[in-house]
Protein backbone atom coordinates (compact mmCIF):
# COMPACT_ATOMS: atom_id res chain seq x y z
CA MET A 1 74.60 128.18 59.32
CA MET A 2 76.22 128.29 56.08
CA ASN A 3 73.52 128.78 53.16
CA ILE A 4 73.48 125.60 50.52
CA ILE A 5 71.26 127.77 48.32
CA PRO A 6 72.97 131.10 47.19
CA LYS A 7 71.28 134.37 47.99
CA LYS A 8 70.17 135.00 44.38
CA ILE A 9 66.53 135.74 42.84
CA HIS A 10 66.15 134.92 39.25
CA TYR A 11 63.39 135.89 37.11
CA VAL A 12 62.54 136.01 33.22
CA TRP A 13 61.41 138.76 31.31
CA VAL A 14 61.54 137.95 27.58
CA GLY A 15 59.89 139.56 24.58
CA ASN A 16 59.62 143.19 24.09
CA LYS A 17 56.70 144.32 26.33
CA PRO A 18 57.29 146.73 29.13
CA LYS A 19 56.67 145.40 32.27
CA PRO A 20 53.24 146.01 33.91
CA GLN A 21 52.60 147.79 37.21
CA LEU A 22 51.73 144.38 38.93
CA VAL A 23 55.06 142.89 37.81
CA LEU A 24 56.84 146.26 39.16
CA ASP A 25 54.84 146.10 42.67
CA CYS A 26 56.11 142.22 43.17
CA ILE A 27 59.63 143.08 42.26
CA SER A 28 59.60 145.88 44.79
CA THR A 29 58.48 143.30 47.55
CA TRP A 30 61.66 141.14 46.69
CA GLU A 31 63.75 144.36 46.89
CA LYS A 32 62.12 145.06 50.44
CA HIS A 33 62.32 141.40 51.86
CA PHE A 34 65.64 140.55 49.91
CA PRO A 35 67.98 143.52 50.70
CA ASP A 36 71.26 141.41 50.51
CA TYR A 37 70.20 139.00 47.57
CA GLU A 38 71.28 139.54 44.10
CA ILE A 39 68.16 139.96 41.76
CA ILE A 40 68.77 138.77 38.10
CA GLU A 41 66.64 139.28 35.21
CA TRP A 42 66.93 136.52 32.37
CA ASN A 43 66.07 138.69 29.32
CA ASN A 44 66.43 138.66 25.50
CA GLU A 45 70.00 139.08 25.58
CA LYS A 46 70.74 136.59 28.25
CA PHE A 47 68.76 133.96 26.37
CA LYS A 48 71.24 134.47 23.58
CA GLY A 49 73.68 132.36 25.66
CA ILE A 50 71.39 129.43 26.14
CA SER A 51 71.26 126.49 23.59
CA ASN A 52 67.74 124.39 23.88
CA LYS A 53 65.73 123.49 21.15
CA TYR A 54 62.47 123.72 23.09
CA ALA A 55 63.21 127.31 24.25
CA GLU A 56 64.26 128.31 20.93
CA GLU A 57 61.37 127.18 19.06
CA ALA A 58 58.92 128.75 21.98
CA PHE A 59 60.73 131.96 21.71
CA ALA A 60 60.52 131.97 17.80
CA ASN A 61 56.69 131.48 18.31
CA LYS A 62 56.49 134.28 21.19
CA ARG A 63 55.42 131.88 23.78
CA TRP A 64 57.36 133.93 26.27
CA ALA A 65 55.74 131.70 29.40
CA PHE A 66 57.05 128.58 27.68
CA VAL A 67 60.50 130.22 27.16
CA SER A 68 60.78 130.77 30.77
CA ASP A 69 59.85 127.16 31.80
CA TYR A 70 63.37 126.35 30.58
CA ILE A 71 65.11 129.43 31.56
CA ARG A 72 64.07 128.85 35.15
CA LEU A 73 65.74 125.69 35.25
CA TYR A 74 68.97 126.44 33.46
CA ALA A 75 69.23 129.28 36.09
CA LEU A 76 68.83 127.10 39.12
CA TYR A 77 70.87 124.48 37.81
CA HIS A 78 74.01 126.59 36.70
CA ASP A 79 73.74 129.48 39.24
CA GLY A 80 71.57 128.09 42.09
CA GLY A 81 69.22 130.40 44.16
CA ILE A 82 65.53 131.28 44.06
CA TYR A 83 63.31 131.51 40.98
CA LEU A 84 60.35 133.55 41.19
CA ASP A 85 57.62 134.31 38.69
CA THR A 86 57.10 138.02 38.05
CA ASP A 87 53.49 137.83 39.47
CA VAL A 88 54.68 136.76 43.07
CA GLU A 89 54.42 139.05 46.04
CA VAL A 90 56.83 138.09 48.53
CA THR A 91 55.64 138.97 52.10
CA ASN A 92 58.63 137.48 54.20
CA ASN A 93 62.06 136.70 53.60
CA PHE A 94 63.18 133.00 52.54
CA ASP A 95 66.37 132.92 54.80
CA ARG A 96 65.00 129.59 56.70
CA PHE A 97 64.98 127.64 53.78
CA MET A 98 68.38 128.68 52.39
CA ASN A 99 70.00 125.58 54.10
CA LEU A 100 67.72 122.92 52.17
CA ASP A 101 69.00 121.57 48.66
CA PHE A 102 65.82 122.30 47.10
CA PHE A 103 62.39 123.80 47.98
CA SER A 104 58.92 124.63 46.79
CA CYS A 105 55.13 124.28 47.74
CA HIS A 106 52.12 122.54 46.39
CA GLU A 107 50.32 124.71 43.93
CA PHE A 108 46.71 125.49 44.53
CA TYR A 109 44.60 127.17 41.95
CA ASN A 110 41.06 127.02 40.90
CA ASN A 111 40.40 124.30 43.71
CA ASN A 112 42.81 121.96 42.06
CA CYS A 113 46.23 121.06 43.85
CA TRP A 114 49.28 119.98 42.11
CA PRO A 115 52.20 118.64 44.12
CA ILE A 116 54.41 121.71 43.18
CA THR A 117 54.42 124.99 41.80
CA SER A 118 57.00 126.05 39.41
CA ALA A 119 56.38 129.91 40.42
CA VAL A 120 58.52 129.50 43.34
CA MET A 121 61.55 127.12 43.51
CA GLY A 122 64.64 127.18 45.49
CA ALA A 123 67.74 125.20 44.67
CA LYS A 124 71.46 124.81 45.21
CA LYS A 125 73.57 124.54 42.18
CA ASN A 126 73.77 121.49 40.34
CA SER A 127 70.66 120.52 42.00
CA ARG A 128 69.55 116.86 41.07
CA ILE A 129 65.93 117.55 40.83
CA ILE A 130 66.74 120.75 38.40
CA GLY A 131 69.50 118.66 36.40
CA ASP A 132 66.60 115.94 35.95
CA LEU A 133 64.07 118.45 34.85
CA ILE A 134 66.75 119.98 32.23
CA ASP A 135 67.41 116.45 30.81
CA ILE A 136 63.54 116.04 30.13
CA TYR A 137 63.53 119.54 28.17
CA ASP A 138 66.74 118.68 26.43
CA GLU A 139 64.80 115.72 24.99
CA ILE A 140 61.54 117.30 23.63
CA SER A 141 60.38 120.02 21.11
CA PHE A 142 58.02 122.88 21.51
CA LYS A 143 56.97 122.47 17.81
CA THR A 144 55.78 119.17 16.98
CA LYS A 145 53.78 117.54 13.98
CA ARG A 146 50.59 118.21 16.00
CA GLY A 147 51.28 121.99 16.48
CA LEU A 148 52.86 123.39 19.39
CA ASP A 149 53.14 121.49 22.69
CA LEU A 150 51.46 123.62 25.42
CA THR A 151 51.83 121.17 28.04
CA ALA A 152 52.23 123.49 31.21
CA ASN A 153 55.48 122.90 33.03
CA THR A 154 53.54 122.03 36.22
CA GLN A 155 52.17 118.91 34.33
CA ARG A 156 55.68 117.87 33.17
CA ILE A 157 57.26 118.37 36.79
CA THR A 158 54.28 116.59 38.14
CA LYS A 159 54.86 113.51 36.14
CA TYR A 160 58.58 113.50 36.97
CA LEU A 161 58.07 113.73 40.72
CA GLU A 162 55.33 110.76 40.51
CA SER A 163 57.65 108.65 38.55
CA ARG A 164 60.96 109.53 40.36
CA PHE A 165 59.79 109.81 43.76
CA ASN A 166 56.79 107.47 43.77
CA ILE A 167 54.27 109.76 44.80
CA GLN A 168 50.69 109.74 43.84
CA PRO A 169 47.39 111.92 43.59
CA GLU A 170 45.08 113.01 45.40
CA TYR A 171 47.36 115.74 46.62
CA ASP A 172 46.77 117.78 49.82
CA LYS A 173 47.59 121.34 49.94
CA ASP A 174 48.21 121.53 53.54
CA SER A 175 50.73 118.69 53.57
CA THR A 176 54.41 118.59 53.46
CA LEU A 177 56.00 116.59 50.99
CA LYS A 178 59.40 115.39 51.91
CA LEU A 179 61.38 114.30 48.67
CA SER A 180 64.39 113.72 51.17
CA ASN A 181 65.47 115.27 54.22
CA THR A 182 66.89 118.35 52.03
CA GLU A 183 64.44 118.28 49.21
CA ILE A 184 61.10 119.46 50.61
CA ILE A 185 57.75 120.65 49.40
CA PHE A 186 55.90 122.70 51.68
CA PRO A 187 52.21 123.33 52.02
CA SER A 188 50.58 125.73 49.42
CA HIS A 189 50.31 128.71 52.00
CA TYR A 190 54.01 128.92 52.19
CA PHE A 191 54.57 130.17 48.86
CA CYS A 192 51.34 130.11 46.76
CA ILE A 193 48.28 131.28 48.50
CA SER A 194 47.63 133.15 51.59
CA GLU A 195 45.27 131.76 54.40
CA GLU A 196 44.13 133.45 57.53
CA ASP A 197 46.37 132.26 60.53
CA LYS A 198 48.58 130.41 58.26
CA VAL A 199 52.18 131.34 57.77
CA ASN A 200 53.25 132.78 54.60
CA PHE A 201 56.17 133.79 52.53
CA SER A 202 54.92 134.89 49.18
CA ILE A 203 51.62 134.86 47.23
CA HIS A 204 51.47 133.88 43.51
CA HIS A 205 48.92 135.98 41.85
CA PHE A 206 48.27 133.93 38.67
CA SER A 207 48.26 136.64 36.31
CA GLY A 208 49.99 135.07 33.48
CA SER A 209 48.53 134.26 30.04
CA TRP A 210 50.31 130.98 30.01
CA LEU A 211 47.46 129.39 32.26
CA PRO A 212 45.64 126.87 29.93
CA SER A 213 42.45 127.70 28.85
CA HIS A 214 40.91 124.37 30.77
CA SER A 215 41.65 123.07 34.13
CA ARG A 216 42.42 119.40 34.31
CA LYS A 217 42.08 116.87 36.67
CA ASP A 218 42.78 113.08 36.29
CA LYS A 219 40.43 111.19 37.65
CA ILE A 220 41.33 107.53 36.82
CA ASN A 221 44.82 106.46 35.67
CA ILE A 222 45.32 102.67 34.66
CA PHE A 223 48.89 101.95 34.21
CA ASN A 224 49.66 105.50 32.98
CA LYS A 225 48.23 104.37 29.89
CA ILE A 226 44.38 104.89 29.69
CA ILE A 227 43.42 108.04 31.75
CA LEU A 228 39.72 109.34 32.33
CA SER A 229 40.28 113.22 32.77
CA ARG A 230 38.03 116.03 33.56
CA PHE A 231 38.34 119.31 31.63
CA ILE A 232 36.65 122.57 32.64
CA LYS A 233 36.81 125.26 30.27
CA MET A 234 38.00 128.56 31.76
CA SER A 235 38.48 130.85 28.57
CA ASN A 236 38.24 130.75 24.97
CA PHE A 237 41.86 131.16 24.23
CA GLY A 238 44.01 128.00 23.86
CA GLU A 239 43.72 124.51 23.62
CA MET A 240 43.17 121.52 25.91
CA PRO A 241 46.31 120.78 27.96
CA LEU A 242 47.17 117.52 26.61
CA GLN A 243 50.79 116.11 26.74
CA ASP A 244 52.32 115.57 23.32
CA ASP A 245 52.27 111.57 23.56
CA GLU A 246 48.37 111.70 24.50
CA ARG A 247 45.54 111.09 22.10
CA ILE A 248 41.86 111.44 22.60
CA VAL A 249 40.06 108.17 22.45
CA PHE A 250 36.52 109.23 23.68
CA ARG A 251 34.93 112.52 25.00
CA MET A 252 31.50 112.96 26.76
CA THR A 253 30.19 116.31 27.40
CA PHE A 254 28.40 117.24 30.42
CA SER A 255 27.91 120.80 29.83
CA LYS A 256 29.20 123.89 27.81
CA ASN A 257 32.10 124.21 29.95
CA LYS A 258 32.61 120.52 31.39
CA LYS A 259 33.68 117.57 29.57
CA TYR A 260 35.20 114.11 30.67
CA ILE A 261 37.79 112.59 28.08
CA ILE A 262 39.22 109.24 27.95
CA LEU A 263 42.86 109.36 26.79
CA PHE A 264 45.38 106.80 25.53
CA ARG A 265 49.18 107.66 26.45
CA LYS A 266 51.80 106.04 23.99
C-alpha cells in the first residue's frame, strides 16, 4: 500500500542550548524504529526561511516552545510527515498509520484529557487540518497589549476541533475520534502514555518547560462566552493559561493551589 504520509520525522530545536540526555535518548529511539525515515531538525538556520509574526515574536522573546508551535505546522503542511516533540520516546514504528491523511491521539496529563496531543502528529502534505491551524496562527500575535500570549497550542487546537468538527467535552482518553475516515485521533495509549496490556507506539515524557504553571479544566461553558474554569497551580513559574480574548470576571479561591474562575470571552 502506497503511503499518503511521507516517511519524514520533523522535530524542532531552536535556541542555543545543547540537547539534554533525554532528548538524545528519545531521538535514538526514532532512529531505531524509523530506520528508513528521513529525520529533519528545524533549527535556528531553518527558521530564517519562515515568515510568521507569532513565531518571530516568540523567537525574539526566547520562548522556544511557542516557536515550535508554529514550526511544526509549517513543516507538516509544506513537507508532510510526522512531527515529534523532542521528549517523545518511540516504542514501535508508525507504518500502519502512514496511509491516513492525519493522525494523532488524545492527550492525557495530570488526570486531564484533551482531544489531541500536539506532541505527536502525522499529516499528509497540504493537510486541510494543518492548513486551518496555520491560518489561525497567521492571524494572531505572540506579543499583545496584555503581555505575552502563553496560550498552549493544545488549547488552540482544541478550540479549533470543537468548532470545525463539532466535538464536545468531556473527552475520553480511551476513545477513538474519527474526524473523517482518513483523519483519526486515537486513544492516548497509542502515542501519549503507556498502559499495561494496551497497544503503544510512543510515550510523551512531558519534560518541557512549556507546560503551563496551572492545569485548567473548563467546567461550564455557556455559548462559548461565559466559562467557569478550575485552575490548579502546578508550579510557581508562569501565568494562568488564559486565551488572549478571555477576561477574568470573578475568582473563588478554595485552597492555596485551587481556584475557580468565571471568564468572559469576547
